[in-house]
Amino acid sequence: MELKFARTDIDQKPKKAEIDKIEAQLEKEDSVIYYFDRENSHKDLLELQDYFEAKGKSFYMSEVKFGLADNEYMYQVHIIN
């Protein structure tokens, strides 16, 4: 599973997300919110959900549209301890 964070600039390539760093931040904070790029497959995000729910975390995912075109969206993921 290779996930990519949402782009901060249209011309940039999305940065890769590492599960270890996400888990480390989740240990420091009670909840975290991440935005993932549209290039991620829905299947990979569901695998991420299964991974954190197996560890007893609550996981909420939604699609966020930021424009009128069909490809102008990103995924919002909220993970709660």
Protein backbone atom coordinates (compact mmCIF):
# COMPACT_ATOMS: atom_id res chain seq x y z
CA MET A 1 0.00 0.00 0.00
CA GLU A 2 1.57 3.23 -1.17
CA LEU A 3 -0.35 6.35 -0.18
CA LYS A 4 0.24 9.96 -1.22
CA PHE A 5 -0.63 13.12 0.69
CA ALA A 6 -2.67 15.80 -1.06
CA ARG A 7 -0.73 18.27 -3.16
CA THR A 8 -0.13 21.74 -1.83
CA ASP A 9 0.54 23.08 -5.33
CA ILE A 10 -0.97 21.96 -8.63
CA ASP A 11 2.43 21.64 -10.31
CA GLN A 12 3.99 19.55 -7.53
CA LYS A 13 3.96 15.80 -7.26
CA PRO A 14 2.23 14.45 -4.14
CA LYS A 15 4.47 13.40 -1.23
CA LYS A 16 4.43 9.79 -0.07
CA ALA A 17 2.77 8.97 3.24
CA GLU A 18 4.46 6.61 5.69
CA ILE A 19 2.28 4.64 8.08
CA ASP A 20 5.00 4.65 10.77
CA LYS A 21 4.98 8.46 10.88
CA ILE A 22 1.19 8.55 10.98
CA GLU A 23 1.20 6.12 13.93
CA ALA A 24 3.88 8.15 15.73
CA GLN A 25 1.84 11.33 15.42
CA LEU A 26 -1.28 9.48 16.57
CA GLU A 27 0.53 8.38 19.75
CA LYS A 28 1.35 12.03 20.55
CA GLU A 29 -2.15 13.36 19.81
CA ASP A 30 -5.65 11.99 20.44
CA SER A 31 -6.75 12.51 16.86
CA VAL A 32 -5.21 13.42 13.52
CA ILE A 33 -6.64 14.58 10.21
CA TYR A 34 -4.85 13.92 6.92
CA TYR A 35 -5.65 14.82 3.36
CA PHE A 36 -4.72 12.28 0.70
CA ASP A 37 -4.35 12.88 -3.03
CA ARG A 38 -6.89 11.77 -5.62
CA GLU A 39 -4.21 9.52 -7.16
CA ASN A 40 -4.67 7.08 -4.26
CA SER A 41 -6.88 4.14 -5.00
CA HIS A 42 -9.99 3.78 -2.91
CA LYS A 43 -8.90 0.20 -2.20
CA ASP A 44 -5.63 1.40 -0.59
CA LEU A 45 -7.52 3.82 1.62
CA LEU A 46 -9.85 1.01 2.72
CA GLU A 47 -6.75 -1.06 3.57
CA LEU A 48 -5.53 1.87 5.68
CA GLN A 49 -8.92 1.91 7.41
CA ASP A 50 -8.72 -1.82 8.15
CA TYR A 51 -5.18 -1.38 9.49
CA PHE A 52 -6.13 1.29 12.03
CA GLU A 53 -9.47 -0.27 12.99
CA ALA A 54 -7.62 -3.53 13.75
CA LYS A 55 -5.55 -1.50 16.23
CA GLY A 56 -8.73 -0.26 17.93
CA LYS A 57 -8.77 3.23 16.40
CA SER A 58 -11.79 5.02 14.95
CA PHE A 59 -11.39 5.89 11.28
CA TYR A 60 -13.52 8.29 9.24
CA MET A 61 -12.98 8.98 5.56
CA SER A 62 -14.73 11.35 3.18
CA GLU A 63 -14.21 12.80 -0.26
CA VAL A 64 -13.68 16.57 -0.31
CA LYS A 65 -14.36 18.48 -3.55
CA PHE A 66 -12.51 21.77 -3.99
CA GLY A 67 -13.60 22.67 -7.52
CA LEU A 68 -16.23 22.05 -10.13
CA ALA A 69 -14.30 19.56 -12.29
CA ASP A 70 -14.66 15.83 -11.65
CA ASN A 71 -10.97 15.41 -10.82
CA GLU A 72 -10.82 18.23 -8.27
CA TYR A 73 -11.15 16.28 -5.06
CA MET A 74 -9.09 14.76 -2.26
CA TYR A 75 -9.73 12.33 0.55
CA GLN A 76 -10.02 13.50 4.15
CA VAL A 77 -9.09 10.92 6.78
CA HIS A 78 -9.72 11.44 10.49
CA ILE A 79 -8.19 8.89 12.87
CA ILE A 80 -9.12 8.97 16.56
CA ASN A 81 -7.48 7.09 19.43
